[in-house]
Amino acid sequence: MAVLLDIRNYVKTHGHASLLDLSHRFHLQPEAIRGMLDHWQRKGVIRRVEVADNCGGCAIKVGCGSCSSNAAFETYEWAAGRA
């Protein structure tokens, strides 16, 4: 339960965070973090932000594997206002 609240508070404090950032911060697999974020999305306090699915930083663009996963591009933001 503490990690669930810590994730909520982290996104609230920072305004937004990627799944990969949260995974590194809390030392959990992205799938575990995603499940906790799903909880907060259902509550309406966090929402997923649609962003491009590639970084555009290399010549290959598709399937290069250098970003390890789409977790780097899966971003969430605080949605419950400033309170």
N, C-alpha and C. Protein backbone atom coordinates (compact mmCIF):
# COMPACT_ATOMS: atom_id res chain seq x y z
N MET A 1 0.83 -1.20 0.00
CA MET A 1 0.00 0.00 0.00
C MET A 1 0.86 1.26 0.00
N ALA A 2 1.99 1.23 0.69
CA ALA A 2 2.85 2.41 0.76
C ALA A 2 3.38 2.80 -0.61
N VAL A 3 3.77 1.83 -1.42
CA VAL A 3 4.30 2.13 -2.75
C VAL A 3 3.21 2.74 -3.62
N LEU A 4 2.01 2.26 -3.51
CA LEU A 4 0.88 2.80 -4.26
C LEU A 4 0.73 4.30 -3.96
N LEU A 5 0.78 4.66 -2.70
CA LEU A 5 0.67 6.06 -2.30
C LEU A 5 1.90 6.85 -2.71
N ASP A 6 3.08 6.23 -2.62
CA ASP A 6 4.31 6.91 -3.02
C ASP A 6 4.30 7.25 -4.50
N ILE A 7 3.79 6.35 -5.33
CA ILE A 7 3.70 6.61 -6.77
C ILE A 7 2.74 7.76 -7.03
N ARG A 8 1.60 7.74 -6.38
CA ARG A 8 0.64 8.84 -6.54
C ARG A 8 1.28 10.17 -6.14
N ASN A 9 1.96 10.19 -5.00
CA ASN A 9 2.58 11.42 -4.51
C ASN A 9 3.71 11.89 -5.42
N TYR A 10 4.45 10.96 -5.99
CA TYR A 10 5.54 11.31 -6.89
C TYR A 10 5.00 12.01 -8.14
N VAL A 11 3.97 11.43 -8.74
CA VAL A 11 3.38 12.04 -9.94
C VAL A 11 2.74 13.37 -9.58
N LYS A 12 2.10 13.46 -8.44
CA LYS A 12 1.48 14.72 -8.01
C LYS A 12 2.54 15.80 -7.83
N THR A 13 3.64 15.47 -7.19
CA THR A 13 4.70 16.43 -6.92
C THR A 13 5.41 16.89 -8.19
N HIS A 14 5.68 15.94 -9.07
CA HIS A 14 6.44 16.25 -10.29
C HIS A 14 5.54 16.66 -11.47
N GLY A 15 4.25 16.42 -11.38
CA GLY A 15 3.33 16.79 -12.44
C GLY A 15 3.19 15.73 -13.51
N HIS A 16 4.27 15.00 -13.78
CA HIS A 16 4.24 13.92 -14.77
C HIS A 16 5.47 13.04 -14.57
N ALA A 17 5.41 11.84 -15.11
CA ALA A 17 6.54 10.90 -15.03
C ALA A 17 6.33 9.81 -16.06
N SER A 18 7.43 9.31 -16.60
CA SER A 18 7.34 8.17 -17.52
C SER A 18 7.30 6.88 -16.71
N LEU A 19 6.78 5.85 -17.33
CA LEU A 19 6.75 4.54 -16.70
C LEU A 19 8.16 4.08 -16.37
N LEU A 20 9.10 4.34 -17.25
CA LEU A 20 10.49 3.94 -17.01
C LEU A 20 11.08 4.70 -15.82
N ASP A 21 10.81 5.99 -15.72
CA ASP A 21 11.28 6.76 -14.58
C ASP A 21 10.74 6.19 -13.27
N LEU A 22 9.45 5.90 -13.24
CA LEU A 22 8.84 5.35 -12.04
C LEU A 22 9.40 3.98 -11.70
N SER A 23 9.64 3.18 -12.72
CA SER A 23 10.21 1.85 -12.51
C SER A 23 11.58 1.96 -11.86
N HIS A 24 12.41 2.87 -12.34
CA HIS A 24 13.74 3.07 -11.76
C HIS A 24 13.66 3.64 -10.36
N ARG A 25 12.79 4.61 -10.18
CA ARG A 25 12.66 5.29 -8.88
C ARG A 25 12.23 4.33 -7.77
N PHE A 26 11.29 3.44 -8.10
CA PHE A 26 10.73 2.56 -7.07
C PHE A 26 11.27 1.14 -7.15
N HIS A 27 12.22 0.90 -8.04
CA HIS A 27 12.88 -0.41 -8.15
C HIS A 27 11.89 -1.55 -8.37
N LEU A 28 10.93 -1.31 -9.27
CA LEU A 28 9.92 -2.30 -9.61
C LEU A 28 9.84 -2.44 -11.12
N GLN A 29 9.38 -3.59 -11.58
CA GLN A 29 9.19 -3.82 -13.01
C GLN A 29 8.11 -2.88 -13.55
N PRO A 30 8.24 -2.45 -14.80
CA PRO A 30 7.23 -1.56 -15.37
C PRO A 30 5.81 -2.12 -15.29
N GLU A 31 5.66 -3.43 -15.43
CA GLU A 31 4.32 -4.03 -15.36
C GLU A 31 3.69 -3.82 -13.98
N ALA A 32 4.49 -3.89 -12.93
CA ALA A 32 3.97 -3.68 -11.57
C ALA A 32 3.56 -2.21 -11.39
N ILE A 33 4.40 -1.31 -11.88
CA ILE A 33 4.09 0.11 -11.79
C ILE A 33 2.82 0.43 -12.59
N ARG A 34 2.71 -0.15 -13.77
CA ARG A 34 1.54 0.09 -14.63
C ARG A 34 0.26 -0.32 -13.91
N GLY A 35 0.29 -1.44 -13.20
CA GLY A 35 -0.89 -1.87 -12.45
C GLY A 35 -1.29 -0.86 -11.38
N MET A 36 -0.31 -0.28 -10.72
CA MET A 36 -0.61 0.73 -9.70
C MET A 36 -1.12 2.02 -10.34
N LEU A 37 -0.54 2.38 -11.49
CA LEU A 37 -1.02 3.55 -12.20
C LEU A 37 -2.45 3.34 -12.69
N ASP A 38 -2.78 2.12 -13.10
CA ASP A 38 -4.15 1.80 -13.51
C ASP A 38 -5.13 2.10 -12.38
N HIS A 39 -4.74 1.75 -11.16
CA HIS A 39 -5.58 2.03 -9.99
C HIS A 39 -5.87 3.53 -9.89
N TRP A 40 -4.82 4.35 -10.02
CA TRP A 40 -5.00 5.79 -9.90
C TRP A 40 -5.74 6.38 -11.09
N GLN A 41 -5.61 5.76 -12.25
CA GLN A 41 -6.38 6.22 -13.41
C GLN A 41 -7.87 5.98 -13.18
N ARG A 42 -8.20 4.82 -12.61
CA ARG A 42 -9.62 4.54 -12.31
C ARG A 42 -10.18 5.54 -11.30
N LYS A 43 -9.34 6.01 -10.39
CA LYS A 43 -9.76 7.00 -9.40
C LYS A 43 -9.84 8.41 -9.99
N GLY A 44 -9.24 8.59 -11.17
CA GLY A 44 -9.30 9.87 -11.85
C GLY A 44 -8.26 10.88 -11.42
N VAL A 45 -7.22 10.45 -10.72
CA VAL A 45 -6.20 11.40 -10.26
C VAL A 45 -4.95 11.42 -11.14
N ILE A 46 -4.76 10.37 -11.92
CA ILE A 46 -3.63 10.28 -12.84
C ILE A 46 -4.18 9.87 -14.20
N ARG A 47 -3.60 10.42 -15.27
CA ARG A 47 -4.02 10.02 -16.61
C ARG A 47 -2.78 9.75 -17.47
N ARG A 48 -2.96 8.85 -18.41
CA ARG A 48 -1.89 8.53 -19.36
C ARG A 48 -1.87 9.58 -20.45
N VAL A 49 -0.67 10.01 -20.81
CA VAL A 49 -0.49 11.01 -21.86
C VAL A 49 -0.01 10.30 -23.10
N GLU A 50 -0.66 10.57 -24.21
CA GLU A 50 -0.24 9.97 -25.47
C GLU A 50 0.96 10.73 -26.02
N VAL A 51 2.04 10.00 -26.25
CA VAL A 51 3.25 10.59 -26.84
C VAL A 51 3.72 9.69 -27.97
N ALA A 52 4.65 10.18 -28.75
CA ALA A 52 5.18 9.39 -29.86
C ALA A 52 5.82 8.11 -29.33
N ASP A 53 5.76 7.05 -30.13
CA ASP A 53 6.28 5.76 -29.69
C ASP A 53 7.71 5.51 -30.15
N ASN A 54 8.39 6.53 -30.62
CA ASN A 54 9.82 6.39 -30.90
C ASN A 54 10.52 7.68 -30.55
N CYS A 55 11.79 7.60 -30.26
CA CYS A 55 12.51 8.76 -29.78
C CYS A 55 12.95 9.68 -30.89
N GLY A 56 13.11 9.16 -32.09
CA GLY A 56 13.57 9.98 -33.20
C GLY A 56 15.04 10.34 -33.11
N GLY A 57 15.74 9.73 -32.17
CA GLY A 57 17.13 10.08 -31.95
C GLY A 57 18.13 9.23 -32.71
N CYS A 58 17.69 8.24 -33.46
CA CYS A 58 18.63 7.42 -34.20
C CYS A 58 18.17 7.27 -35.65
N ALA A 59 19.03 6.77 -36.49
CA ALA A 59 18.73 6.65 -37.90
C ALA A 59 17.76 5.51 -38.20
N ILE A 60 17.72 4.51 -37.33
CA ILE A 60 16.90 3.32 -37.61
C ILE A 60 15.42 3.61 -37.40
N LYS A 61 15.08 4.33 -36.35
CA LYS A 61 13.72 4.76 -36.02
C LYS A 61 12.77 3.65 -35.56
N VAL A 62 12.84 2.48 -36.15
CA VAL A 62 11.89 1.43 -35.80
C VAL A 62 12.65 0.17 -35.42
N GLY A 63 12.37 -0.36 -34.26
CA GLY A 63 12.93 -1.64 -33.87
C GLY A 63 14.41 -1.64 -33.54
N CYS A 64 14.98 -0.48 -33.19
CA CYS A 64 16.41 -0.45 -32.91
C CYS A 64 16.74 -1.11 -31.58
N GLY A 65 15.81 -1.05 -30.63
CA GLY A 65 16.03 -1.69 -29.34
C GLY A 65 16.85 -0.87 -28.37
N SER A 66 17.36 0.26 -28.78
CA SER A 66 18.22 1.05 -27.90
C SER A 66 17.47 1.66 -26.73
N CYS A 67 16.19 1.80 -26.85
CA CYS A 67 15.40 2.37 -25.76
C CYS A 67 14.86 1.30 -24.83
N SER A 68 15.16 0.08 -25.08
CA SER A 68 14.82 -1.11 -24.30
C SER A 68 13.34 -1.45 -24.28
N SER A 69 12.47 -0.48 -24.26
CA SER A 69 11.04 -0.76 -24.29
C SER A 69 10.27 0.54 -24.48
N ASN A 70 9.00 0.42 -24.70
CA ASN A 70 8.16 1.61 -24.82
C ASN A 70 7.90 2.26 -23.48
N ALA A 71 8.41 1.67 -22.40
CA ALA A 71 8.23 2.25 -21.07
C ALA A 71 8.82 3.65 -20.98
N ALA A 72 9.84 3.92 -21.80
CA ALA A 72 10.44 5.25 -21.82
C ALA A 72 9.48 6.29 -22.38
N PHE A 73 8.53 5.85 -23.20
CA PHE A 73 7.61 6.77 -23.86
C PHE A 73 6.21 6.75 -23.25
N GLU A 74 5.95 5.84 -22.34
CA GLU A 74 4.65 5.75 -21.68
C GLU A 74 4.67 6.73 -20.52
N THR A 75 3.92 7.81 -20.63
CA THR A 75 3.99 8.90 -19.67
C THR A 75 2.64 9.12 -19.01
N TYR A 76 2.70 9.48 -17.76
CA TYR A 76 1.50 9.74 -16.95
C TYR A 76 1.61 11.12 -16.33
N GLU A 77 0.45 11.77 -16.13
CA GLU A 77 0.45 13.09 -15.51
C GLU A 77 -0.63 13.18 -14.43
N TRP A 78 -0.45 14.13 -13.55
CA TRP A 78 -1.40 14.39 -12.47
C TRP A 78 -2.65 15.00 -13.09
N ALA A 79 -3.80 14.47 -12.75
CA ALA A 79 -5.05 14.90 -13.38
C ALA A 79 -6.07 15.44 -12.39
N ALA A 80 -5.76 15.44 -11.12
CA ALA A 80 -6.76 15.80 -10.10
C ALA A 80 -6.72 17.27 -9.71
N GLY A 81 -6.12 18.13 -10.51
CA GLY A 81 -6.04 19.53 -10.17
C GLY A 81 -4.86 19.79 -9.24
N ARG A 82 -4.82 20.92 -8.67
CA ARG A 82 -3.68 21.33 -7.83
C ARG A 82 -3.85 20.95 -6.36
N ALA A 83 -5.01 20.57 -5.96
CA ALA A 83 -5.26 20.26 -4.54
C ALA A 83 -4.66 18.96 -4.12
